[in-house]
């Protein structure tokens, strides 16, 4: 069961920032401090507290944040969908609690939204990570610490702008932003991916199916990502199987040939369906789907299905 707690509305808020958290209080405090310190605009903050027995629930109540709460860990999809009920602005930001937002992150996103001039977009900030990442579009390895205790904040603030990179194609992961009308059109995040693996590319696929063609990573909007801690504490879903069985193509093929994730941004998505690589990828996806059908469809039970 999820509970909702809402504070008085502030009409001056620019974005509604949704942050799922699971007994990760010190990291969450650092994340919230970065929003307060490094944002140009004021934003509504909505936190979903999974469990919260480490002191998170009481601390959030004392601070007066809008929040939702579940006694157990319901995963990221249920969490952000619950937060949606408290959204009071036109723009929804999804942010992980292990991220530190860097100066003007929000101004750069807002400037991009104004340039686009319509609702059918999906934007991501550019993340900097301490360990080498296999994902194009992520700036790594740039190690400024992996915990709140060893975080070298001053060094990061002094150096992050010296890391040069272009805007990139293929917005998928947080920090990301979407208009709430588009969020509602596609129904938010898909809860069948509990506790959340591969729900990010699934969200992008639903946006694509709804007609969104602007998937852009904004280089000047940046965040430092310490790295997921929660996934090490819970058995993850078979997200790659779920994605393939739902959409008929692998997530890797979708992000490569449709979103072109990590490539320098060149404008709205234009899928070349005659591309030999895409044709091979679709054929391999069909074969893999047949082979995986013998080992189950990849779905997992939800948080309350015991």
Protein backbone atom coordinates (compact mmCIF):
# COMPACT_ATOMS: atom_id res chain seq x y z
CA UNK A 1 0.00 0.00 0.00
CA UNK A 2 1.25 3.47 -0.93
CA UNK A 3 0.44 6.65 1.01
CA UNK A 4 0.51 10.23 -0.31
CA UNK A 5 1.55 13.42 1.54
CA UNK A 6 1.36 16.82 -0.18
CA UNK A 7 2.45 20.27 0.98
CA UNK A 8 0.94 23.60 -0.07
CA UNK A 9 1.31 24.40 -3.78
CA UNK A 10 3.91 26.94 -4.91
CA UNK A 11 3.00 28.49 -8.26
CA UNK A 12 6.61 29.59 -8.82
CA UNK A 13 7.92 26.05 -9.22
CA UNK A 14 9.38 25.33 -12.66
CA UNK A 15 9.76 21.51 -12.62
CA UNK A 16 8.44 18.67 -10.46
CA UNK A 17 11.41 16.47 -9.51
CA UNK A 18 10.54 12.87 -8.56
CA UNK A 19 13.15 10.92 -6.58
CA UNK A 20 12.69 7.28 -5.52
CA UNK A 21 14.80 6.30 -2.52
CA UNK A 22 15.34 3.14 -0.49
CA UNK A 23 17.11 3.53 2.87
CA UNK A 24 19.85 5.68 1.36
CA UNK A 25 19.49 8.76 3.55
CA UNK A 26 22.96 10.32 3.38
CA UNK A 27 23.07 10.03 -0.41
CA UNK A 28 19.56 11.45 -0.64
CA UNK A 29 20.55 14.42 1.53
CA UNK A 30 23.46 15.14 -0.81
CA UNK A 31 21.18 14.89 -3.84
CA UNK A 32 18.65 17.30 -2.33
CA UNK A 33 21.40 19.70 -1.29
CA UNK A 34 22.64 19.81 -4.89
CA UNK A 35 19.16 20.77 -6.10
CA UNK A 36 19.01 23.60 -3.59
CA UNK A 37 22.55 24.78 -4.28
CA UNK A 38 22.90 24.38 -8.04
CA UNK A 39 19.46 25.11 -9.51
CA UNK A 40 18.63 28.42 -11.15
CA UNK A 41 14.90 27.96 -10.59
CA UNK A 42 12.74 26.75 -7.71
CA UNK A 43 11.30 23.28 -8.16
CA UNK A 44 8.75 21.03 -6.54
CA UNK A 45 10.46 17.99 -5.02
CA UNK A 46 8.52 14.75 -4.61
CA UNK A 47 10.21 11.80 -2.93
CA UNK A 48 9.01 8.22 -2.85
CA UNK A 49 10.28 6.49 0.27
CA UNK A 50 10.64 2.75 0.05
CA UNK A 51 10.60 1.42 3.64
CA UNK A 52 12.41 4.40 5.19
CA UNK A 53 13.26 2.65 8.46
CA UNK A 54 16.82 4.01 8.32
CA UNK A 55 15.44 7.42 9.32
CA UNK A 56 14.53 8.58 5.82
CA UNK A 57 10.77 8.68 6.42
CA UNK A 58 10.98 10.75 9.59
CA UNK A 59 13.60 13.09 8.12
CA UNK A 60 11.52 13.75 5.01
CA UNK A 61 8.43 14.43 7.15
CA UNK A 62 10.44 16.85 9.29
CA UNK A 63 11.68 18.67 6.19
CA UNK A 64 8.15 19.02 4.81
CA UNK A 65 8.78 17.58 1.33
CA UNK A 66 5.92 16.27 -0.78
CA UNK A 67 6.33 12.52 -0.61
CA UNK A 68 4.81 9.10 -1.07
CA UNK A 69 5.61 6.11 1.10
CA UNK A 70 5.43 2.34 0.93
CA UNK A 71 6.28 0.04 3.82
CA UNK A 72 8.23 -2.21 1.45
CA UNK A 73 10.43 -1.60 -1.57
CA UNK A 74 8.03 -1.32 -4.52
CA UNK A 75 10.74 -0.54 -7.09
CA UNK A 76 11.23 2.53 -9.27
CA UNK A 77 8.20 2.15 -11.57
CA UNK A 78 5.56 1.98 -8.86
CA UNK A 79 7.46 4.72 -7.01
CA UNK A 80 7.54 7.32 -9.79
CA UNK A 81 3.99 6.53 -10.85
CA UNK A 82 2.87 7.18 -7.28
CA UNK A 83 4.77 10.48 -7.27
CA UNK A 84 2.94 11.55 -10.42
CA UNK A 85 -0.24 12.03 -8.36
CA UNK A 86 1.46 14.92 -6.50
CA UNK A 87 2.91 16.72 -9.55
CA UNK A 88 1.95 20.42 -9.63
CA UNK A 89 3.90 21.67 -12.66
CA UNK A 90 3.87 20.95 -16.40
CA UNK A 91 7.29 19.26 -16.45
CA UNK A 92 8.28 16.03 -14.74
CA UNK A 93 11.93 15.30 -13.91
CA UNK A 94 12.93 11.79 -12.86
CA UNK A 95 16.10 11.77 -10.76
CA UNK A 96 17.92 9.00 -8.89
CA UNK A 97 18.88 9.60 -5.28
CA UNK A 98 22.54 8.80 -6.02
CA UNK A 99 22.95 11.81 -8.33
CA UNK A 100 24.42 15.24 -7.64
CA UNK A 101 23.05 17.94 -9.95
CA UNK A 102 25.61 20.42 -11.24
CA UNK A 103 25.21 24.20 -11.61
CA UNK A 104 22.58 25.41 -14.12
CA UNK A 105 21.42 21.89 -14.90
CA UNK A 106 17.83 23.14 -14.92
CA UNK A 107 18.43 26.36 -16.87
CA UNK A 108 20.02 24.37 -19.71
CA UNK A 109 17.04 22.01 -19.87
CA UNK A 110 14.57 24.89 -19.77
CA UNK A 111 16.39 26.73 -22.57
CA UNK A 112 16.25 23.54 -24.66
CA UNK A 113 12.53 23.11 -23.99
CA UNK A 114 11.85 26.66 -25.13
CA UNK A 115 13.85 26.10 -28.32
CA UNK A 116 11.86 22.93 -29.10
CA UNK A 117 8.57 24.77 -28.71
CA UNK A 118 6.24 21.74 -28.35
CA UNK A 119 5.46 18.93 -25.89
CA UNK A 120 6.74 15.96 -27.90
CA UNK A 121 10.28 15.70 -26.56
CA UNK A 122 12.34 13.65 -24.12
CA UNK A 123 15.51 15.20 -22.72
CA UNK A 124 18.26 13.77 -20.53
CA UNK A 125 20.99 15.54 -18.64
CA UNK A 126 24.53 14.29 -19.23
CA UNK A 127 25.97 12.22 -16.39
CA UNK A 128 29.56 12.04 -15.22
CA UNK A 129 30.53 8.74 -13.58
CA UNK A 130 33.57 7.66 -11.54
CA UNK A 131 33.99 4.27 -13.23
CA UNK A 132 34.32 3.48 -16.92
CA UNK A 133 30.90 3.08 -18.50
CA UNK A 134 30.08 0.96 -21.56
CA UNK A 135 27.27 3.35 -22.47
CA UNK A 136 27.97 6.11 -25.00
CA UNK A 137 26.70 9.48 -23.84
CA UNK A 138 27.98 8.99 -20.28
CA UNK A 139 31.19 10.86 -19.44
CA UNK A 140 33.58 8.45 -17.71
CA UNK A 141 35.76 7.64 -15.92
CA UNK A 142 36.01 10.89 -13.95
CA UNK A 143 36.35 9.92 -10.32
CA UNK A 144 35.27 12.53 -7.78
CA UNK A 145 34.25 9.96 -5.20
CA UNK A 146 31.79 7.08 -4.89
CA UNK A 147 30.14 7.86 -1.53
CA UNK A 148 29.08 11.00 0.35
CA UNK A 149 32.04 10.45 2.65
CA UNK A 150 34.72 10.54 -0.07
CA UNK A 151 32.93 12.95 -2.42
CA UNK A 152 35.26 15.70 -3.64
CA UNK A 153 32.60 18.29 -4.31
CA UNK A 154 34.87 21.31 -4.74
CA UNK A 155 37.03 19.50 -7.30
CA UNK A 156 33.96 18.46 -9.26
CA UNK A 157 32.50 21.96 -9.28
CA UNK A 158 35.82 23.40 -10.45
CA UNK A 159 36.44 20.83 -13.18
CA UNK A 160 33.16 19.53 -14.62
CA UNK A 161 32.92 22.22 -17.30
CA UNK A 162 36.39 21.36 -18.60
CA UNK A 163 35.13 17.91 -19.68
CA UNK A 164 34.19 18.57 -23.30
CA UNK A 165 31.43 16.66 -25.07
CA UNK A 166 28.65 17.31 -27.62
CA UNK A 167 24.91 17.05 -27.22
CA UNK A 168 23.97 13.46 -27.87
CA UNK A 169 21.09 11.48 -29.27
CA UNK A 170 18.93 8.96 -27.46
CA UNK A 171 17.66 10.29 -24.12
CA UNK A 172 16.74 7.34 -21.94
CA UNK A 173 18.06 7.33 -18.38
CA UNK A 174 17.72 9.92 -15.60
CA UNK A 175 18.06 12.74 -14.99
CA UNK A 176 15.38 13.17 -17.62
CA UNK A 177 12.42 15.44 -18.28
CA UNK A 178 9.11 15.07 -20.09
CA UNK A 179 5.92 17.13 -20.29
CA UNK A 180 3.29 15.73 -17.95
CA UNK A 181 0.73 15.47 -20.77
CA UNK A 182 3.09 13.12 -22.62
CA UNK A 183 3.79 11.19 -19.40
CA UNK A 184 0.05 10.67 -18.97
CA UNK A 185 -0.43 9.79 -22.64
CA UNK A 186 1.90 6.78 -22.35
CA UNK A 187 0.89 5.86 -18.80
CA UNK A 188 4.15 6.53 -16.98
CA UNK A 189 6.64 3.74 -16.27
CA UNK A 190 5.65 0.12 -16.86
CA UNK A 191 5.22 -1.67 -13.53
CA UNK A 192 5.72 -5.12 -15.05
CA UNK A 193 9.45 -4.33 -15.00
CA UNK A 194 9.51 -4.49 -11.18
CA UNK A 195 11.86 -3.69 -9.56
CA UNK A 196 12.91 -1.62 -12.57
CA UNK A 197 15.60 -3.07 -14.84
CA UNK A 198 15.02 -2.00 -18.49
CA UNK A 199 12.11 0.27 -17.56
CA UNK A 200 14.13 3.21 -18.96
CA UNK A 201 14.36 1.99 -22.59
CA UNK A 202 10.76 0.78 -22.30
CA UNK A 203 9.69 4.32 -21.37
CA UNK A 204 11.56 5.65 -24.41
CA UNK A 205 9.94 3.04 -26.66
CA UNK A 206 6.49 4.06 -25.43
CA UNK A 207 7.36 7.68 -26.18
CA UNK A 208 8.53 6.71 -29.66
CA UNK A 209 5.28 4.81 -30.29
CA UNK A 210 3.37 7.92 -29.15
CA UNK A 211 5.08 10.02 -31.79
CA UNK A 212 8.00 11.56 -29.90
CA UNK A 213 11.00 12.04 -32.17
CA UNK A 214 13.12 14.47 -30.13
CA UNK A 215 15.33 12.32 -27.88
CA UNK A 216 18.20 14.55 -26.86
CA UNK A 217 20.94 14.43 -24.28
CA UNK A 218 21.79 18.01 -23.29
CA UNK A 219 25.52 18.24 -22.66
CA UNK A 220 25.48 21.48 -20.65
CA UNK A 221 22.92 20.06 -18.24
CA UNK A 222 25.06 17.79 -16.10
CA UNK A 223 24.90 15.55 -13.06
CA UNK A 224 27.43 13.42 -11.19
CA UNK A 225 26.24 9.84 -10.79
CA UNK A 226 27.84 7.96 -7.91
CA UNK A 227 26.53 4.62 -9.16
CA UNK A 228 23.60 2.45 -8.19
CA UNK A 229 23.65 0.96 -4.72
CA UNK A 230 20.08 -0.33 -4.56
CA UNK A 231 20.40 -2.88 -7.38
CA UNK A 232 22.97 -4.79 -5.32
CA UNK A 233 20.43 -5.30 -2.53
CA UNK A 234 17.60 -6.89 -4.50
CA UNK A 235 17.05 -9.59 -7.10
CA UNK A 236 16.54 -7.84 -10.43
CA UNK A 237 13.97 -8.66 -13.08
CA UNK A 238 14.85 -10.22 -16.44
CA UNK A 239 14.41 -6.90 -18.16
CA UNK A 240 16.07 -7.74 -21.46
CA UNK A 241 13.68 -10.66 -21.99
CA UNK A 242 10.71 -8.56 -20.98
CA UNK A 243 11.64 -5.80 -23.42
CA UNK A 244 12.17 -8.21 -26.30
CA UNK A 245 8.91 -10.06 -25.69
CA UNK A 246 6.97 -6.83 -25.38
CA UNK A 247 8.38 -4.97 -28.39
CA UNK A 248 9.80 -7.67 -30.68
CA UNK A 249 13.27 -6.11 -30.74
CA UNK A 250 16.12 -6.12 -28.26
CA UNK A 251 16.74 -3.06 -26.15
CA UNK A 252 20.27 -2.84 -27.55
CA UNK A 253 18.96 -2.74 -31.12
CA UNK A 254 16.31 -0.17 -30.26
CA UNK A 255 18.78 2.19 -28.59
CA UNK A 256 21.32 1.74 -31.40
CA UNK A 257 19.19 1.97 -34.54
CA UNK A 258 16.19 3.99 -33.36
CA UNK A 259 17.45 6.29 -30.60
CA UNK A 260 21.07 6.26 -31.86
CA UNK A 261 21.98 6.66 -28.22
CA UNK A 262 25.30 8.32 -27.56
CA UNK A 263 25.88 9.56 -31.10
CA UNK A 264 26.32 13.33 -31.57
CA UNK A 265 22.87 14.87 -31.78
CA UNK A 266 21.79 15.54 -35.37
CA UNK A 267 18.11 16.37 -34.99
CA UNK A 268 14.84 14.50 -34.76
CA UNK A 269 14.94 10.73 -35.07
CA UNK A 270 14.69 9.37 -38.58
CA UNK A 271 14.80 5.57 -38.63
CA UNK A 272 16.27 3.98 -41.74
CA UNK A 273 14.32 0.72 -41.89
CA UNK A 274 16.32 -0.44 -44.91
CA UNK A 275 19.62 -0.22 -42.98
CA UNK A 276 21.31 -3.65 -43.26
CA UNK A 277 22.33 -3.51 -39.60
CA UNK A 278 18.76 -2.90 -38.47
CA UNK A 279 17.47 -5.71 -40.67
CA UNK A 280 20.03 -8.10 -39.16
CA UNK A 281 19.17 -6.87 -35.66
CA UNK A 282 15.46 -7.54 -36.21
CA UNK A 283 16.18 -11.01 -37.57
CA UNK A 284 18.39 -11.78 -34.56
CA UNK A 285 15.71 -10.41 -32.24
CA UNK A 286 13.12 -12.76 -33.74
CA UNK A 287 15.47 -15.73 -33.34
CA UNK A 288 16.38 -14.77 -29.78
CA UNK A 289 12.71 -14.35 -28.91
CA UNK A 290 11.98 -17.87 -30.15
CA UNK A 291 14.91 -19.32 -28.22
CA UNK A 292 14.01 -17.46 -25.03
CA UNK A 293 10.41 -18.62 -25.27
CA UNK A 294 11.60 -22.03 -24.09
CA UNK A 295 12.97 -20.55 -20.86
CA UNK A 296 9.96 -18.40 -19.90
CA UNK A 297 8.62 -15.03 -20.94
CA UNK A 298 10.82 -13.05 -18.56
CA UNK A 299 8.04 -11.45 -16.53
CA UNK A 300 8.41 -11.07 -12.77
CA UNK A 301 5.88 -10.75 -10.00
CA UNK A 302 5.23 -7.39 -8.42
CA UNK A 303 6.27 -6.24 -4.93
CA UNK A 304 3.13 -7.60 -3.25
CA UNK A 305 2.99 -10.95 -5.07
CA UNK A 306 4.26 -13.28 -2.40
